[in-house]
Amino acid sequence: MSMQDPIADMLTRIRNAAAAGLDKVAIPLSKEKKAIAEVLLEEGYISSTTVEGEGVKSQIIVALKYVGDRSVIEGIERVSKSSCRVHCGSREIPRVRNGLGIVVLSTPKGIMSGRKAAKENVGGEILCRVW
């Protein structure tokens, strides 16, 4: 069975693993998913990422971060979907939870957080929100 939205699948795997209290979650590898995981790592929402396997069977292993027994990721959701793309300019990047969360954007300069995109004065497609 083919996957309709691989990014939504990645976010769901992370959300479910955090809710279940798992330390790590395995996600099928793609360049886009790896870039999103690196943004989450830079922003402090996950503790590490590693790539395992070769070729078609390669996976990215995301180590989730916890404070006490609570996950750092309280919520993660897809914004731009295949049926309804959501774009924003550099001056229109939305704030998440009054500045406590981040948006992940796909820009001409690559996938980056909303804060970094605002600093570099670029807009793009809003992939997801994390808080």
C-alpha atoms as a PDB file:
ATOM      1  CA  MET A   1       0.000   0.000   0.000  1.00  0.00           C
ATOM      2  CA  SER A   2       1.416   3.389  -0.985  1.00  0.00           C
ATOM      3  CA  MET A   3       1.672   6.269   1.435  1.00  0.00           C
ATOM      4  CA  GLN A   4      -0.305   9.376   0.419  1.00  0.00           C
ATOM      5  CA  ASP A   5       1.485  11.896   2.662  1.00  0.00           C
ATOM      6  CA  PRO A   6       4.895  10.772   3.978  1.00  0.00           C
ATOM      7  CA  ILE A   7       5.398  13.909   6.108  1.00  0.00           C
ATOM      8  CA  ALA A   8       2.043  13.407   7.857  1.00  0.00           C
ATOM      9  CA  ASP A   9       3.079   9.791   8.504  1.00  0.00           C
ATOM     10  CA  MET A  10       6.364  10.989  10.052  1.00  0.00           C
ATOM     11  CA  LEU A  11       4.574  13.478  12.306  1.00  0.00           C
ATOM     12  CA  THR A  12       2.040  10.839  13.371  1.00  0.00           C
ATOM     13  CA  ARG A  13       4.813   8.380  14.240  1.00  0.00           C
ATOM     14  CA  ILE A  14       6.544  11.026  16.382  1.00  0.00           C
ATOM     15  CA  ARG A  15       3.252  12.050  18.059  1.00  0.00           C
ATOM     16  CA  ASN A  16       2.310   8.433  18.844  1.00  0.00           C
ATOM     17  CA  ALA A  17       5.799   7.556  20.139  1.00  0.00           C
ATOM     18  CA  ALA A  18       5.777  10.615  22.431  1.00  0.00           C
ATOM     19  CA  ALA A  19       2.303   9.713  23.729  1.00  0.00           C
ATOM     20  CA  ALA A  20       3.444   6.136  24.403  1.00  0.00           C
ATOM     21  CA  GLY A  21       6.622   7.310  26.169  1.00  0.00           C
ATOM     22  CA  LEU A  22       9.005   5.612  23.721  1.00  0.00           C
ATOM     23  CA  ASP A  23      12.665   6.663  23.588  1.00  0.00           C
ATOM     24  CA  LYS A  24      13.124   6.253  19.829  1.00  0.00           C
ATOM     25  CA  VAL A  25      11.012   6.020  16.701  1.00  0.00           C
ATOM     26  CA  ALA A  26      11.990   4.659  13.262  1.00  0.00           C
ATOM     27  CA  ILE A  27      10.823   6.545  10.171  1.00  0.00           C
ATOM     28  CA  PRO A  28      11.420   5.599   6.507  1.00  0.00           C
ATOM     29  CA  LEU A  29      14.158   7.895   5.185  1.00  0.00           C
ATOM     30  CA  SER A  30      13.782  10.695   2.647  1.00  0.00           C
ATOM     31  CA  LYS A  31      15.705  13.952   2.225  1.00  0.00           C
ATOM     32  CA  GLU A  32      12.673  16.002   3.243  1.00  0.00           C
ATOM     33  CA  LYS A  33      12.006  13.979   6.412  1.00  0.00           C
ATOM     34  CA  LYS A  34      15.680  14.132   7.378  1.00  0.00           C
ATOM     35  CA  ALA A  35      15.661  17.927   6.958  1.00  0.00           C
ATOM     36  CA  ILE A  36      12.526  18.229   9.139  1.00  0.00           C
ATOM     37  CA  ALA A  37      14.151  16.040  11.812  1.00  0.00           C
ATOM     38  CA  GLU A  38      17.264  18.244  11.741  1.00  0.00           C
ATOM     39  CA  VAL A  39      15.112  21.354  12.274  1.00  0.00           C
ATOM     40  CA  LEU A  40      13.464  19.650  15.272  1.00  0.00           C
ATOM     41  CA  LEU A  41      16.955  18.795  16.576  1.00  0.00           C
ATOM     42  CA  GLU A  42      18.207  22.400  16.147  1.00  0.00           C
ATOM     43  CA  GLU A  43      15.155  23.743  17.965  1.00  0.00           C
ATOM     44  CA  GLY A  44      15.571  21.278  20.868  1.00  0.00           C
ATOM     45  CA  TYR A  45      12.449  19.155  20.383  1.00  0.00           C
ATOM     46  CA  ILE A  46      14.356  15.884  19.868  1.00  0.00           C
ATOM     47  CA  SER A  47      17.685  14.706  21.269  1.00  0.00           C
ATOM     48  CA  SER A  48      19.299  13.044  18.225  1.00  0.00           C
ATOM     49  CA  THR A  49      18.834  11.613  14.746  1.00  0.00           C
ATOM     50  CA  THR A  50      20.710   8.735  13.127  1.00  0.00           C
ATOM     51  CA  VAL A  51      20.367   6.987   9.777  1.00  0.00           C
ATOM     52  CA  GLU A  52      20.340   3.183   9.686  1.00  0.00           C
ATOM     53  CA  GLY A  53      20.218   0.764   6.776  1.00  0.00           C
ATOM     54  CA  GLU A  54      20.994   1.154   3.101  1.00  0.00           C
ATOM     55  CA  GLY A  55      19.011   1.864  -0.028  1.00  0.00           C
ATOM     56  CA  VAL A  56      15.259   1.347   0.072  1.00  0.00           C
ATOM     57  CA  LYS A  57      15.303  -0.021   3.633  1.00  0.00           C
ATOM     58  CA  SER A  58      17.109   2.948   5.174  1.00  0.00           C
ATOM     59  CA  GLN A  59      15.428   4.608   8.138  1.00  0.00           C
ATOM     60  CA  ILE A  60      15.991   7.659  10.258  1.00  0.00           C
ATOM     61  CA  ILE A  61      15.956   6.920  13.985  1.00  0.00           C
ATOM     62  CA  VAL A  62      14.644   9.883  15.979  1.00  0.00           C
ATOM     63  CA  ALA A  63      15.457   9.919  19.711  1.00  0.00           C
ATOM     64  CA  LEU A  64      12.714  11.800  21.530  1.00  0.00           C
ATOM     65  CA  LYS A  65      13.497  14.248  24.322  1.00  0.00           C
ATOM     66  CA  TYR A  66      11.788  14.169  27.715  1.00  0.00           C
ATOM     67  CA  VAL A  67      11.755  16.462  30.747  1.00  0.00           C
ATOM     68  CA  GLY A  68      11.003  14.213  33.686  1.00  0.00           C
ATOM     69  CA  ASP A  69       8.381  11.857  32.306  1.00  0.00           C
ATOM     70  CA  ARG A  70       6.785  14.382  29.887  1.00  0.00           C
ATOM     71  CA  SER A  71       7.722  14.692  26.231  1.00  0.00           C
ATOM     72  CA  VAL A  72       9.162  18.014  25.076  1.00  0.00           C
ATOM     73  CA  ILE A  73       6.824  17.737  22.063  1.00  0.00           C
ATOM     74  CA  GLU A  74       3.367  18.506  23.433  1.00  0.00           C
ATOM     75  CA  GLY A  75       1.790  18.722  20.000  1.00  0.00           C
ATOM     76  CA  ILE A  76       2.796  18.334  16.371  1.00  0.00           C
ATOM     77  CA  GLU A  77       0.495  18.746  13.393  1.00  0.00           C
ATOM     78  CA  ARG A  78       0.598  19.001   9.622  1.00  0.00           C
ATOM     79  CA  VAL A  79      -0.462  22.373   8.202  1.00  0.00           C
ATOM     80  CA  SER A  80       0.019  22.234   4.432  1.00  0.00           C
ATOM     81  CA  LYS A  81      -1.622  19.121   3.011  1.00  0.00           C
ATOM     82  CA  SER A  82      -1.646  17.619  -0.463  1.00  0.00           C
ATOM     83  CA  SER A  83      -5.256  18.764  -0.864  1.00  0.00           C
ATOM     84  CA  CYS A  84      -4.693  22.295   0.462  1.00  0.00           C
ATOM     85  CA  ARG A  85      -1.241  23.876   0.333  1.00  0.00           C
ATOM     86  CA  VAL A  86      -0.550  26.738   2.758  1.00  0.00           C
ATOM     87  CA  HIS A  87       2.093  29.345   1.903  1.00  0.00           C
ATOM     88  CA  CYS A  88       3.272  32.487   3.660  1.00  0.00           C
ATOM     89  CA  GLY A  89       5.620  35.364   2.989  1.00  0.00           C
ATOM     90  CA  SER A  90       8.547  36.266   5.227  1.00  0.00           C
ATOM     91  CA  ARG A  91       6.442  38.910   7.025  1.00  0.00           C
ATOM     92  CA  GLU A  92       3.446  36.572   7.454  1.00  0.00           C
ATOM     93  CA  ILE A  93       5.104  33.640   9.249  1.00  0.00           C
ATOM     94  CA  PRO A  94       2.637  32.612  11.974  1.00  0.00           C
ATOM     95  CA  ARG A  95       3.476  32.347  15.667  1.00  0.00           C
ATOM     96  CA  VAL A  96       2.664  29.062  17.367  1.00  0.00           C
ATOM     97  CA  ARG A  97       1.294  29.088  20.931  1.00  0.00           C
ATOM     98  CA  ASN A  98       2.220  32.757  21.358  1.00  0.00           C
ATOM     99  CA  GLY A  99       5.879  32.115  20.515  1.00  0.00           C
ATOM    100  CA  LEU A 100       6.304  28.892  22.527  1.00  0.00           C
ATOM    101  CA  GLY A 101       6.229  26.674  19.436  1.00  0.00           C
ATOM    102  CA  ILE A 102       7.673  26.715  15.938  1.00  0.00           C
ATOM    103  CA  VAL A 103       6.543  26.329  12.357  1.00  0.00           C
ATOM    104  CA  VAL A 104       8.639  24.340   9.887  1.00  0.00           C
ATOM    105  CA  LEU A 105       8.795  25.880   6.412  1.00  0.00           C
ATOM    106  CA  SER A 106       9.919  24.608   3.030  1.00  0.00           C
ATOM    107  CA  THR A 107      11.654  27.618   1.464  1.00  0.00           C
ATOM    108  CA  PRO A 108      13.786  28.154  -1.653  1.00  0.00           C
ATOM    109  CA  LYS A 109      16.790  27.976   0.722  1.00  0.00           C
ATOM    110  CA  GLY A 110      15.705  24.594   2.122  1.00  0.00           C
ATOM    111  CA  ILE A 111      13.617  23.381   5.037  1.00  0.00           C
ATOM    112  CA  MET A 112      13.987  25.595   8.119  1.00  0.00           C
ATOM    113  CA  SER A 113      12.187  26.884  11.187  1.00  0.00           C
ATOM    114  CA  GLY A 114       9.997  29.972  11.035  1.00  0.00           C
ATOM    115  CA  ARG A 115      12.472  31.972  13.135  1.00  0.00           C
ATOM    116  CA  LYS A 116      15.351  31.215  10.781  1.00  0.00           C
ATOM    117  CA  ALA A 117      13.203  31.962   7.717  1.00  0.00           C
ATOM    118  CA  ALA A 118      12.226  35.338   9.192  1.00  0.00           C
ATOM    119  CA  LYS A 119      15.909  36.163   9.833  1.00  0.00           C
ATOM    120  CA  GLU A 120      16.818  35.213   6.260  1.00  0.00           C
ATOM    121  CA  ASN A 121      13.765  37.097   4.945  1.00  0.00           C
ATOM    122  CA  VAL A 122      12.264  34.159   3.019  1.00  0.00           C
ATOM    123  CA  GLY A 123       8.790  32.682   2.992  1.00  0.00           C
ATOM    124  CA  GLY A 124       7.523  29.337   1.781  1.00  0.00           C
ATOM    125  CA  GLU A 125       5.170  26.448   2.355  1.00  0.00           C
ATOM    126  CA  ILE A 126       4.225  25.812   5.995  1.00  0.00           C
ATOM    127  CA  LEU A 127       4.850  22.086   6.523  1.00  0.00           C
ATOM    128  CA  CYS A 128       3.956  21.679  10.198  1.00  0.00           C
ATOM    129  CA  ARG A 129       3.580  23.261  13.640  1.00  0.00           C
ATOM    130  CA  VAL A 130       5.329  21.969  16.754  1.00  0.00           C
ATOM    131  CA  TRP A 131       4.765  23.025  20.369  1.00  0.00           C
END
